[in-house]
Amino acid sequence: MTAPIAHLRNAGRLDRMFIDGEWTLPEPLTRTGVVDPSTEESVAEIALGSSTDVDTAVVAARLAFAGWAATSPENRAQFLDRIHALILERTELFAHAISQEMGAPIGYARSTQVRLAAEHIRVARDNLATYPFVTHRGTTAILREPIGVCGLITPWNWPLYQITAKVGPALAAGCTVVLKPSELSPLSALLFAEVVQDAGLPAGVFNFLNGDGPEVGAALSAHPDVDMISLTGSTRAGVLVSQAAAPTVKRVALELGGKSPNVILPDADLSRAIAPGVAAAFRNLGQSCSAPTRMIVPRQHLQEIERLACAAVSEMAVGDPRSEQSTHGPVANRAQFERVQAMIAVGIAEGARLVCGGPDRPEGLNRGFYVRPTVFSDVQSHMRIAQEEIFGPVLCVIPYDSVDEAVVIANDTIYGLGAHVQGGDLEAARAVAARIRSGQVHLNYPAWNPNAPFGGYKRSGNGREYGIEGMEEYLETKAVIGFQPA
């Protein structure tokens, strides 16, 4: 198999953008390095776009919009079907790109990062086939129409998955798009642009440019001909995008930070609740906005829970992401490595009890952005490590004395993106789930459901992704009164 960087270099993609159906040079041409987090070395350079390139891409998307919006749902579904098939066909190329650009172990990149990304396209295709774009309410017709040109800004932690979660439903709805992925993990985005080209979408329907947030992200958010912005990123980034978008009163959908709780109820089977909870918290090395990194546990079981949590950590194999034996690789970049190290130091200084892991790299890994999976216990809800998103493999075990107290702790952050509840009595677990202020709640570690709407309460954002609700974010509602006389 051709390595992703060699493939992109040979195809002349690394210094190009995909705008109006063509691979073009940005104006002016500036470059930034792509760093392999397992070696800390720059392995490629990509071109960065500018506000001028944003203008060009938005013009292309605007000119293509009327034609694309007028296509039938069946026609749009056929294009999505081709994109879905091509992603699966190129799984290995995508997996190696993701592993190199952000450190995901190759097995995880293949089985989760790529496979679940393809599922977003499949779901968009399937939902499109049955969605009622026109309904009737008496003599009034309710039309759901594409909102227009959409600017899509995606993060570095799930680089392909977050692209497909936005592009799939936007295209299904009949919108045209301008995609700006994170410049820190751009390789899979370049490969995705190739997929879209090879799927044969009409020119201008999908446009892609790399670039940073302060210039390209800001220009896209403020652009008067962009009808909607969808961002996945930090809460800070969400505020900046909202401020830039406000003067043009465009729709803004935000999927932001989280500090998700995992409430272990007193009747939970600890042998089934703790190890999967640690695995969920450290999924993607904790670099997930919905990672349940606050485990809220009955005080009477604290010692046993600590033992089980550390046993789960001991089974993790942190190492070279190219190795099939590695379960966890490095964190994605230097800034994240320094953030995780700083927050582990904060936890120790705050008086939380370190029960496994800790500062510095794992033994034998002296180079690369590797961190030690870390568990703190006796954490109090007011501590910074319990309130701030660390975005790394750091789990806070917080004891409680009553279920009411557990619910208070679960809701005691500025976030509300995801949550988990574990318990033997399903009715009691449902009752706790109903009291948690969060966009998703998982009961007893269910399977991932790509049709379950995902999004935040509070400062975790607004709007929803995935499933029908994800597509409806890209639709406007029009009432035609008197459409059908009584």
Protein backbone atom coordinates (compact mmCIF):
# COMPACT_ATOMS: atom_id res chain seq x y z
CA MET A 1 0.00 0.00 0.00
CA THR A 2 1.23 3.48 -0.86
CA ALA A 3 1.84 5.57 2.28
CA PRO A 4 -0.65 8.45 2.58
CA ILE A 5 1.96 11.21 2.40
CA ALA A 6 3.67 9.63 -0.61
CA HIS A 7 0.29 9.21 -2.26
CA LEU A 8 -0.69 12.84 -1.65
CA ARG A 9 2.73 14.16 -2.68
CA ASN A 10 2.75 12.11 -5.89
CA ALA A 11 -0.74 13.36 -6.72
CA GLY A 12 0.31 16.96 -6.09
CA ARG A 13 -2.25 17.44 -3.33
CA LEU A 14 -0.19 18.70 -0.37
CA ASP A 15 0.03 22.27 -1.65
CA ARG A 16 -3.48 22.39 -3.15
CA MET A 17 -7.07 23.17 -2.23
CA PHE A 18 -10.16 21.64 -3.84
CA ILE A 19 -12.42 24.46 -5.02
CA ASP A 20 -15.10 24.42 -7.72
CA GLY A 21 -14.17 20.90 -8.75
CA GLU A 22 -10.46 21.66 -9.27
CA TRP A 23 -7.25 21.28 -7.27
CA THR A 24 -5.86 24.80 -7.12
CA LEU A 25 -2.95 26.61 -5.50
CA PRO A 26 -3.85 28.98 -2.64
CA GLU A 27 -3.18 32.68 -2.98
CA PRO A 28 -0.72 33.54 -1.50
CA LEU A 29 1.05 30.20 -1.05
CA THR A 30 2.08 29.63 2.57
CA ARG A 31 2.88 26.31 4.20
CA THR A 32 2.86 24.66 7.60
CA GLY A 33 4.36 21.38 8.78
CA VAL A 34 2.49 18.20 9.64
CA VAL A 35 4.03 16.64 12.75
CA ASP A 36 3.98 12.92 13.49
CA PRO A 37 3.18 12.85 17.25
CA SER A 38 4.94 9.52 17.73
CA THR A 39 8.30 10.96 16.64
CA GLU A 40 7.78 14.74 17.09
CA GLU A 41 9.13 15.16 13.55
CA SER A 42 7.65 17.12 10.67
CA VAL A 43 6.76 14.60 7.98
CA ALA A 44 5.14 16.84 5.36
CA GLU A 45 4.16 20.38 4.56
CA ILE A 46 0.68 21.45 3.50
CA ALA A 47 -0.52 24.71 1.97
CA LEU A 48 -2.62 27.07 4.07
CA GLY A 49 -5.44 29.03 2.54
CA SER A 50 -6.29 32.67 3.20
CA SER A 51 -9.38 34.87 3.37
CA THR A 52 -9.02 35.36 -0.39
CA ASP A 53 -9.32 31.61 -0.88
CA VAL A 54 -12.39 31.58 1.38
CA ASP A 55 -13.99 34.16 -0.95
CA THR A 56 -13.23 31.98 -3.96
CA ALA A 57 -14.64 28.86 -2.32
CA VAL A 58 -17.80 30.61 -1.12
CA VAL A 59 -18.48 32.03 -4.60
CA ALA A 60 -18.17 28.51 -6.03
CA ALA A 61 -20.51 27.09 -3.39
CA ARG A 62 -23.03 29.90 -3.95
CA LEU A 63 -23.08 29.37 -7.73
CA ALA A 64 -23.55 25.61 -7.28
CA PHE A 65 -26.29 25.89 -4.67
CA ALA A 66 -29.38 26.33 -6.81
CA GLY A 67 -28.56 23.36 -9.00
CA TRP A 68 -27.67 21.07 -6.12
CA ALA A 69 -30.72 22.08 -4.06
CA ALA A 70 -32.94 21.25 -7.03
CA THR A 71 -31.63 17.70 -7.42
CA SER A 72 -33.89 14.91 -6.25
CA PRO A 73 -33.23 13.16 -2.93
CA GLU A 74 -32.65 9.97 -4.93
CA ASN A 75 -29.91 11.66 -6.95
CA ARG A 76 -28.20 13.04 -3.84
CA ALA A 77 -28.42 9.61 -2.20
CA GLN A 78 -26.58 8.07 -5.15
CA PHE A 79 -23.66 10.47 -4.66
CA LEU A 80 -23.56 9.69 -0.93
CA ASP A 81 -23.58 5.99 -1.73
CA ARG A 82 -20.48 6.45 -3.90
CA ILE A 83 -18.71 8.43 -1.16
CA HIS A 84 -19.55 5.72 1.39
CA ALA A 85 -18.22 2.96 -0.86
CA LEU A 86 -15.00 4.85 -1.64
CA ILE A 87 -14.24 5.51 2.04
CA LEU A 88 -14.58 1.80 2.81
CA GLU A 89 -12.55 0.88 -0.27
CA ARG A 90 -9.72 3.18 0.93
CA THR A 91 -9.89 2.20 4.61
CA GLU A 92 -6.20 1.39 4.86
CA LEU A 93 -5.10 4.65 3.26
CA PHE A 94 -7.33 6.64 5.62
CA ALA A 95 -6.29 4.61 8.67
CA HIS A 96 -2.57 5.13 8.07
CA ALA A 97 -3.13 8.85 7.47
CA ILE A 98 -5.05 9.26 10.73
CA SER A 99 -2.48 7.23 12.64
CA GLN A 100 0.35 9.40 11.33
CA GLU A 101 -1.34 12.79 11.65
CA MET A 102 -2.82 12.45 15.16
CA GLY A 103 -1.38 9.29 16.70
CA ALA A 104 -4.33 6.89 16.74
CA PRO A 105 -3.13 3.26 16.89
CA ILE A 106 -3.52 1.72 13.47
CA GLY A 107 -5.99 -0.92 14.65
CA TYR A 108 -8.18 1.72 16.29
CA ALA A 109 -7.89 4.04 13.30
CA ARG A 110 -9.03 1.24 11.03
CA SER A 111 -11.82 -0.24 13.16
CA THR A 112 -13.21 2.94 14.72
CA GLN A 113 -11.98 6.22 13.24
CA VAL A 114 -12.60 5.16 9.63
CA ARG A 115 -15.46 2.71 10.05
CA LEU A 116 -17.59 5.04 12.13
CA ALA A 117 -16.83 7.92 9.76
CA ALA A 118 -18.22 5.86 6.90
CA GLU A 119 -21.33 5.19 8.99
CA HIS A 120 -22.18 8.91 9.07
CA ILE A 121 -22.33 8.91 5.27
CA ARG A 122 -24.44 5.75 5.23
CA VAL A 123 -26.89 7.18 7.76
CA ALA A 124 -27.19 10.43 5.80
CA ARG A 125 -27.89 8.43 2.65
CA ASP A 126 -30.48 6.19 4.32
CA ASN A 127 -32.27 9.01 6.12
CA LEU A 128 -32.42 11.02 2.92
CA ALA A 129 -34.31 8.20 1.22
CA THR A 130 -37.24 8.40 3.63
CA TYR A 131 -37.25 12.01 4.89
CA PRO A 132 -40.54 13.93 4.35
CA PHE A 133 -39.37 17.22 2.85
CA VAL A 134 -43.02 18.25 2.40
CA THR A 135 -45.77 17.62 4.96
CA HIS A 136 -49.28 19.02 5.27
CA ARG A 137 -51.08 20.58 8.21
CA GLY A 138 -54.60 21.28 7.10
CA THR A 139 -54.43 23.61 4.12
CA THR A 140 -50.82 24.56 4.90
CA ALA A 141 -47.78 22.83 3.39
CA ILE A 142 -44.68 22.64 5.56
CA LEU A 143 -41.58 22.61 3.35
CA ARG A 144 -38.11 21.73 4.60
CA GLU A 145 -35.56 23.35 2.31
CA PRO A 146 -31.73 23.47 2.33
CA ILE A 147 -30.39 26.45 4.23
CA GLY A 148 -27.74 27.31 1.60
CA VAL A 149 -23.96 27.56 1.71
CA CYS A 150 -22.51 25.95 4.84
CA GLY A 151 -19.08 26.53 6.35
CA LEU A 152 -17.90 23.41 8.16
CA ILE A 153 -15.02 23.64 10.66
CA THR A 154 -13.72 20.34 12.04
CA PRO A 155 -11.19 19.36 14.74
CA TRP A 156 -8.00 17.31 14.91
CA ASN A 157 -9.09 14.57 17.33
CA TRP A 158 -11.57 12.71 15.09
CA PRO A 159 -10.43 14.15 11.76
CA LEU A 160 -12.41 12.04 9.26
CA TYR A 161 -15.31 11.18 11.58
CA GLN A 162 -16.17 14.81 12.22
CA ILE A 163 -15.88 15.67 8.53
CA THR A 164 -18.40 13.01 7.52
CA ALA A 165 -20.69 13.89 10.45
CA LYS A 166 -21.11 17.34 8.89
CA VAL A 167 -20.58 16.86 5.15
CA GLY A 168 -22.93 13.85 4.89
CA PRO A 169 -26.09 15.49 6.28
CA ALA A 170 -25.30 18.86 4.68
CA LEU A 171 -25.10 17.30 1.21
CA ALA A 172 -28.16 15.15 1.94
CA ALA A 173 -30.14 18.27 2.84
CA GLY A 174 -29.22 19.88 -0.49
CA CYS A 175 -26.66 22.36 0.84
CA THR A 176 -23.30 23.19 -0.68
CA VAL A 177 -20.29 23.28 1.60
CA VAL A 178 -16.91 24.82 2.29
CA LEU A 179 -14.87 22.59 4.58
CA LYS A 180 -12.02 23.81 6.77
CA PRO A 181 -10.46 20.92 8.71
CA SER A 182 -7.87 21.34 11.43
CA GLU A 183 -4.48 22.20 9.99
CA LEU A 184 -3.00 19.88 12.66
CA SER A 185 -4.54 16.75 11.08
CA PRO A 186 -5.04 17.58 7.40
CA LEU A 187 -4.02 14.36 5.64
CA SER A 188 -7.32 12.50 6.01
CA ALA A 189 -9.17 15.64 4.86
CA LEU A 190 -7.12 15.77 1.68
CA LEU A 191 -7.92 12.11 1.07
CA PHE A 192 -11.61 12.81 1.68
CA ALA A 193 -11.54 15.60 -0.91
CA GLU A 194 -10.16 13.04 -3.37
CA VAL A 195 -13.06 10.73 -2.51
CA VAL A 196 -15.59 13.48 -3.20
CA GLN A 197 -13.93 14.27 -6.52
CA ASP A 198 -13.89 10.62 -7.51
CA ALA A 199 -17.56 10.28 -6.51
CA GLY A 200 -18.32 12.83 -9.23
CA LEU A 201 -20.15 15.55 -7.30
CA PRO A 202 -20.95 18.61 -9.45
CA ALA A 203 -18.31 21.36 -9.29
CA GLY A 204 -18.75 23.75 -6.39
CA VAL A 205 -20.99 21.52 -4.28
CA PHE A 206 -18.06 20.50 -2.06
CA ASN A 207 -15.10 22.84 -1.52
CA PHE A 208 -12.11 22.25 0.75
CA LEU A 209 -9.24 24.36 1.98
CA ASN A 210 -6.75 23.97 4.79
CA GLY A 211 -6.12 26.95 6.99
CA ASP A 212 -5.88 28.19 10.55
CA GLY A 213 -8.68 29.47 12.74
CA PRO A 214 -7.66 33.12 13.10
CA GLU A 215 -7.68 33.73 9.33
CA VAL A 216 -9.60 31.06 7.44
CA GLY A 217 -11.99 30.07 10.23
CA ALA A 218 -12.77 33.69 11.05
CA ALA A 219 -13.24 34.63 7.38
CA LEU A 220 -15.61 31.71 6.84
CA SER A 221 -17.61 32.53 9.98
CA ALA A 222 -18.00 36.19 9.07
CA HIS A 223 -18.63 35.74 5.34
CA PRO A 224 -21.92 37.36 4.27
CA ASP A 225 -22.61 34.67 1.65
CA VAL A 226 -22.28 31.80 4.12
CA ASP A 227 -25.71 30.87 5.48
CA MET A 228 -24.60 28.53 8.26
CA ILE A 229 -21.50 27.64 10.25
CA SER A 230 -21.07 24.26 11.93
CA LEU A 231 -18.09 23.98 14.27
CA THR A 232 -16.74 21.16 16.37
CA GLY A 233 -14.05 22.46 18.69
CA SER A 234 -13.33 24.04 22.04
CA THR A 235 -15.81 26.25 23.85
CA ARG A 236 -13.41 29.14 23.35
CA ALA A 237 -13.44 28.55 19.59
CA GLY A 238 -17.23 28.36 19.65
CA VAL A 239 -17.46 31.77 21.28
CA LEU A 240 -15.15 33.29 18.65
CA VAL A 241 -17.10 31.75 15.78
CA SER A 242 -20.40 32.95 17.24
CA GLN A 243 -19.07 36.47 17.60
CA ALA A 244 -17.78 36.52 14.03
CA ALA A 245 -21.08 35.13 12.69
CA ALA A 246 -23.37 37.45 14.66
CA PRO A 247 -23.35 40.49 12.32
CA THR A 248 -24.72 38.40 9.43
CA VAL A 249 -27.25 36.55 11.64
CA LYS A 250 -26.32 33.19 10.12
CA ARG A 251 -27.21 29.93 11.80
CA VAL A 252 -24.46 28.62 14.05
CA ALA A 253 -24.32 24.99 15.21
CA LEU A 254 -21.69 24.27 17.85
CA GLU A 255 -20.41 20.97 19.26
CA LEU A 256 -17.98 22.05 21.95
CA GLY A 257 -16.25 20.89 25.11
CA GLY A 258 -17.34 18.45 27.75
CA LYS A 259 -16.54 17.00 31.16
CA SER A 260 -18.84 14.03 31.07
CA PRO A 261 -19.89 12.13 34.19
CA ASN A 262 -20.15 8.37 34.61
CA VAL A 263 -22.45 7.70 37.55
CA ILE A 264 -21.91 4.27 39.11
CA LEU A 265 -25.09 3.54 41.08
CA PRO A 266 -24.88 1.55 44.35
CA ASP A 267 -26.37 -1.59 42.77
CA ALA A 268 -24.04 -1.61 39.75
CA ASP A 269 -21.98 -4.74 39.12
CA LEU A 270 -18.51 -3.27 39.59
CA SER A 271 -16.87 -6.08 37.62
CA ARG A 272 -18.88 -4.90 34.59
CA ALA A 273 -19.00 -1.17 35.31
CA ILE A 274 -15.46 -0.04 36.09
CA ALA A 275 -13.17 -1.45 33.39
CA PRO A 276 -15.49 -0.38 30.53
CA GLY A 277 -15.77 3.03 32.21
CA VAL A 278 -12.00 3.44 32.17
CA ALA A 279 -11.93 2.28 28.55
CA ALA A 280 -14.63 4.81 27.62
CA ALA A 281 -12.81 7.63 29.40
CA PHE A 282 -9.54 6.76 27.63
CA ARG A 283 -11.09 6.03 24.23
CA ASN A 284 -9.02 7.87 21.62
CA LEU A 285 -6.62 8.51 24.54
CA GLY A 286 -9.22 10.72 26.22
CA GLN A 287 -9.21 13.10 23.25
CA SER A 288 -12.97 13.09 22.86
CA CYS A 289 -15.25 15.92 23.95
CA SER A 290 -17.76 13.43 25.34
CA ALA A 291 -15.23 11.21 27.17
CA PRO A 292 -16.66 10.25 30.61
CA THR A 293 -13.63 11.40 32.58
CA ARG A 294 -15.50 11.95 35.87
CA MET A 295 -16.39 8.60 37.45
CA ILE A 296 -18.86 9.31 40.26
CA VAL A 297 -18.90 6.34 42.62
CA PRO A 298 -20.45 5.12 45.91
CA ARG A 299 -18.04 5.96 48.71
CA GLN A 300 -18.49 2.53 50.33
CA HIS A 301 -17.03 0.87 47.22
CA LEU A 302 -14.19 3.34 46.62
CA GLN A 303 -11.30 1.02 47.44
CA GLU A 304 -12.57 -1.77 45.19
CA ILE A 305 -13.26 0.70 42.36
CA GLU A 306 -9.72 2.06 42.59
CA ARG A 307 -8.34 -1.47 42.34
CA LEU A 308 -10.46 -2.29 39.31
CA ALA A 309 -9.63 1.00 37.60
CA CYS A 310 -5.89 0.49 37.98
CA ALA A 311 -6.21 -3.11 36.79
CA ALA A 312 -7.92 -1.79 33.66
CA VAL A 313 -5.13 0.75 33.09
CA SER A 314 -2.50 -1.98 33.47
CA GLU A 315 -4.02 -3.79 30.47
CA MET A 316 -3.47 -0.81 28.18
CA ALA A 317 -0.53 -0.95 25.80
CA VAL A 318 0.74 2.58 25.11
CA GLY A 319 3.18 2.58 22.24
CA ASP A 320 3.98 3.07 18.57
CA PRO A 321 0.68 3.76 16.78
CA ARG A 322 1.91 1.77 13.77
CA SER A 323 2.03 -1.39 15.89
CA GLU A 324 -1.01 -3.65 15.85
CA GLN A 325 -0.25 -4.44 19.52
CA SER A 326 -0.66 -0.84 20.72
CA THR A 327 -4.04 0.00 22.23
CA HIS A 328 -3.13 3.67 22.77
CA GLY A 329 -0.66 5.92 21.00
CA PRO A 330 0.60 9.43 21.76
CA VAL A 331 -1.63 12.44 22.23
CA ALA A 332 -2.03 14.34 18.99
CA ASN A 333 0.31 17.32 19.34
CA ARG A 334 2.76 19.13 21.59
CA ALA A 335 0.24 21.61 22.94
CA GLN A 336 -1.98 18.75 24.08
CA PHE A 337 0.96 16.89 25.62
CA GLU A 338 1.89 19.97 27.64
CA ARG A 339 -1.74 20.50 28.67
CA VAL A 340 -2.09 16.95 29.98
CA GLN A 341 1.20 17.14 31.88
CA ALA A 342 0.21 20.48 33.41
CA MET A 343 -3.19 19.20 34.54
CA ILE A 344 -1.71 16.08 36.13
CA ALA A 345 0.54 18.41 38.13
CA VAL A 346 -2.53 20.49 39.06
CA GLY A 347 -4.34 17.40 40.33
CA ILE A 348 -1.41 16.45 42.55
CA ALA A 349 -1.14 20.02 43.86
CA GLU A 350 -4.87 20.17 44.56
CA GLY A 351 -4.62 17.15 46.85
CA ALA A 352 -6.30 14.53 44.68
CA ARG A 353 -4.88 11.09 45.38
CA LEU A 354 -2.88 9.62 42.47
CA VAL A 355 -3.66 5.90 42.32
CA CYS A 356 -1.99 5.02 39.01
CA GLY A 357 -0.18 6.77 36.17
CA GLY A 358 1.16 10.25 36.79
CA PRO A 359 3.44 12.79 35.14
CA ASP A 360 6.02 12.24 32.38
CA ARG A 361 6.09 9.68 29.60
CA PRO A 362 5.52 5.94 30.10
CA GLU A 363 8.66 3.95 30.81
CA GLY A 364 10.71 3.23 27.70
CA LEU A 365 9.09 5.97 25.61
CA ASN A 366 11.49 8.88 25.65
CA ARG A 367 10.38 10.52 22.45
CA GLY A 368 6.94 11.33 21.12
CA PHE A 369 3.91 12.88 22.80
CA TYR A 370 3.20 9.84 24.95
CA VAL A 371 1.48 10.23 28.31
CA ARG A 372 0.73 7.83 31.13
CA PRO A 373 -2.94 6.85 31.55
CA THR A 374 -3.70 8.37 34.94
CA VAL A 375 -6.36 7.84 37.61
CA PHE A 376 -6.96 10.24 40.49
CA SER A 377 -9.21 9.33 43.42
CA ASP A 378 -10.78 11.28 46.27
CA VAL A 379 -11.34 14.07 43.76
CA GLN A 380 -13.64 16.85 44.90
CA SER A 381 -16.03 18.45 42.45
CA HIS A 382 -14.59 21.94 42.87
CA MET A 383 -11.08 20.88 41.82
CA ARG A 384 -9.80 22.08 38.46
CA ILE A 385 -9.22 18.52 37.27
CA ALA A 386 -12.94 17.86 37.86
CA GLN A 387 -14.09 21.06 36.18
CA GLU A 388 -11.77 21.65 33.20
CA GLU A 389 -11.58 19.62 30.03
CA ILE A 390 -8.13 17.99 30.04
CA PHE A 391 -8.51 16.15 26.72
CA GLY A 392 -6.20 13.32 27.66
CA PRO A 393 -6.19 10.03 29.59
CA VAL A 394 -6.87 11.45 33.05
CA LEU A 395 -9.78 9.98 35.04
CA CYS A 396 -11.22 11.63 38.15
CA VAL A 397 -12.88 9.26 40.63
CA ILE A 398 -15.31 11.29 42.75
CA PRO A 399 -17.05 9.56 45.71
CA TYR A 400 -20.62 10.26 46.80
CA ASP A 401 -22.80 9.32 49.77
CA SER A 402 -26.28 9.42 48.19
CA VAL A 403 -27.75 9.19 44.71
CA ASP A 404 -29.07 12.73 45.04
CA GLU A 405 -25.52 13.91 45.72
CA ALA A 406 -24.27 11.93 42.70
CA VAL A 407 -26.74 13.76 40.45
CA VAL A 408 -25.66 17.13 41.86
CA ILE A 409 -22.01 16.26 41.16
CA ALA A 410 -22.87 15.03 37.65
CA ASN A 411 -24.46 18.39 36.83
CA ASP A 412 -21.78 20.47 38.58
CA THR A 413 -19.88 21.72 35.52
CA ILE A 414 -20.40 24.32 32.80
CA TYR A 415 -20.70 21.45 30.30
CA GLY A 416 -23.47 19.07 29.29
CA LEU A 417 -22.42 17.01 26.28
CA GLY A 418 -22.40 13.34 27.29
CA ALA A 419 -23.08 11.24 30.38
CA HIS A 420 -23.16 7.61 31.48
CA VAL A 421 -25.15 5.81 34.17
CA GLN A 422 -24.45 2.24 35.35
CA GLY A 423 -26.92 0.31 37.48
CA GLY A 424 -28.64 -3.03 37.93
CA ASP A 425 -32.12 -1.55 38.26
CA LEU A 426 -32.82 -0.13 34.81
CA GLU A 427 -35.78 1.92 35.99
CA ALA A 428 -33.60 3.61 38.64
CA ALA A 429 -30.86 4.22 36.06
CA ARG A 430 -33.42 5.82 33.72
CA ALA A 431 -34.59 8.07 36.55
CA VAL A 432 -31.03 9.29 37.14
CA ALA A 433 -30.53 9.80 33.39
CA ALA A 434 -33.61 12.02 33.31
CA ARG A 435 -32.06 14.29 35.96
CA ILE A 436 -28.72 14.78 34.21
CA ARG A 437 -28.45 17.94 32.08
CA SER A 438 -26.74 16.49 29.05
CA GLY A 439 -27.39 16.01 25.35
CA GLN A 440 -26.72 12.26 25.51
CA VAL A 441 -26.90 9.74 28.34
CA HIS A 442 -25.62 6.16 27.92
CA LEU A 443 -27.13 3.47 30.13
CA ASN A 444 -24.95 0.44 30.93
CA TYR A 445 -22.53 0.95 28.03
CA PRO A 446 -24.81 0.49 25.01
CA ALA A 447 -23.53 0.08 21.47
CA TRP A 448 -22.78 3.27 19.53
CA ASN A 449 -25.84 4.45 17.62
CA PRO A 450 -25.14 6.74 14.64
CA ASN A 451 -28.82 7.71 14.54
CA ALA A 452 -28.83 9.00 18.13
CA PRO A 453 -28.72 12.84 18.07
CA PHE A 454 -25.55 14.25 19.63
CA GLY A 455 -25.01 17.73 21.01
CA GLY A 456 -24.70 19.78 24.13
CA TYR A 457 -26.49 21.55 26.91
CA LYS A 458 -24.96 24.63 28.56
CA ARG A 459 -21.48 25.54 27.26
CA SER A 460 -21.14 22.29 25.36
CA GLY A 461 -22.85 23.96 22.43
CA ASN A 462 -26.13 24.08 20.57
CA GLY A 463 -27.72 22.19 17.72
CA ARG A 464 -27.46 18.46 17.08
CA GLU A 465 -25.45 16.13 14.87
CA TYR A 466 -26.08 12.53 13.73
CA GLY A 467 -29.29 10.98 12.52
CA ILE A 468 -32.40 12.83 11.39
CA GLU A 469 -31.74 15.72 13.77
CA GLY A 470 -28.27 16.16 12.27
CA MET A 471 -29.72 16.60 8.79
CA GLU A 472 -32.45 18.94 10.03
CA GLU A 473 -29.77 21.38 11.24
CA TYR A 474 -29.12 22.11 7.55
CA LEU A 475 -32.78 22.72 6.67
CA GLU A 476 -35.00 25.79 6.82
CA THR A 477 -38.75 25.54 7.48
CA LYS A 478 -41.17 27.25 5.10
CA ALA A 479 -44.96 27.36 5.57
CA VAL A 480 -47.04 27.76 2.43
CA ILE A 481 -50.50 28.69 3.65
CA GLY A 482 -53.37 27.88 1.30
CA PHE A 483 -51.20 25.36 -0.52
CA GLN A 484 -54.01 22.81 -0.55
CA PRO A 485 -57.50 24.32 -0.25
CA ALA A 486 -59.85 22.57 2.16
